């Protein structure tokens, strides 16, 4: 459970630093996100989820 909290904190840190350093770019990227199809977003999300799971699995084993 501790590792999950650390991972969530790291996620928030990285997300926050991107918005702090590149606010205009992040705003522009979010606007472009509206043009992407839902199915493409879902596919990319699943791919990132699998990659993350594989990384965690190999680190933990």
Protein backbone atom coordinates (compact mmCIF):
# COMPACT_ATOMS: atom_id res chain seq x y z
CA UNK A 1 0.00 0.00 0.00
CA UNK A 2 2.88 2.32 0.77
CA UNK A 3 4.26 1.87 -2.73
CA UNK A 4 0.89 2.75 -4.25
CA UNK A 5 0.82 6.02 -2.32
CA UNK A 6 4.40 6.77 -3.42
CA UNK A 7 3.48 6.03 -7.05
CA UNK A 8 0.44 8.32 -6.84
CA UNK A 9 2.58 11.06 -5.30
CA UNK A 10 5.13 10.68 -8.09
CA UNK A 11 2.33 10.90 -10.67
CA UNK A 12 1.04 14.13 -9.10
CA UNK A 13 4.57 15.54 -8.91
CA UNK A 14 5.29 14.87 -12.59
CA UNK A 15 1.88 16.15 -13.68
CA UNK A 16 2.26 19.27 -11.57
CA UNK A 17 5.77 20.06 -12.76
CA UNK A 18 4.63 19.83 -16.39
CA UNK A 19 1.82 22.32 -15.77
CA UNK A 20 4.14 24.60 -13.82
CA UNK A 21 6.93 24.61 -16.41
CA UNK A 22 4.87 24.49 -19.61
CA UNK A 23 1.38 25.89 -18.92
CA UNK A 24 0.74 27.13 -22.48
CA UNK A 25 1.92 23.85 -24.04
CA UNK A 26 -0.24 21.79 -21.67
CA UNK A 27 -3.28 23.92 -22.47
CA UNK A 28 -2.60 23.49 -26.19
CA UNK A 29 -2.21 19.72 -25.79
CA UNK A 30 -5.51 19.46 -23.93
CA UNK A 31 -7.28 21.31 -26.75
CA UNK A 32 -5.77 18.92 -29.31
CA UNK A 33 -6.97 16.00 -27.20
CA UNK A 34 -10.55 16.82 -28.18
CA UNK A 35 -9.72 15.91 -31.78
CA UNK A 36 -8.62 12.38 -30.90
CA UNK A 37 -11.21 9.61 -31.19
CA UNK A 38 -12.40 7.93 -28.01
CA UNK A 39 -11.34 4.53 -29.32
CA UNK A 40 -7.79 5.80 -29.92
CA UNK A 41 -7.61 7.25 -26.40
CA UNK A 42 -8.84 3.97 -24.97
CA UNK A 43 -6.26 1.98 -26.96
CA UNK A 44 -3.40 4.25 -25.88
CA UNK A 45 -4.60 4.08 -22.28
CA UNK A 46 -4.64 0.29 -22.37
CA UNK A 47 -1.18 0.17 -23.93
CA UNK A 48 0.23 2.48 -21.25
CA UNK A 49 -1.50 0.40 -18.57
CA UNK A 50 0.08 -2.79 -19.88
CA UNK A 51 3.53 -1.19 -20.15
CA UNK A 52 3.22 0.12 -16.60
CA UNK A 53 2.10 -3.27 -15.32
CA UNK A 54 5.01 -5.01 -17.04
CA UNK A 55 7.50 -2.53 -15.60
CA UNK A 56 6.09 -2.97 -12.09
CA UNK A 57 6.02 -6.76 -12.47
CA UNK A 58 9.68 -6.95 -13.49
CA UNK A 59 10.82 -4.55 -10.79
CA UNK A 60 8.94 -6.42 -8.08
CA UNK A 61 10.11 -9.90 -9.14
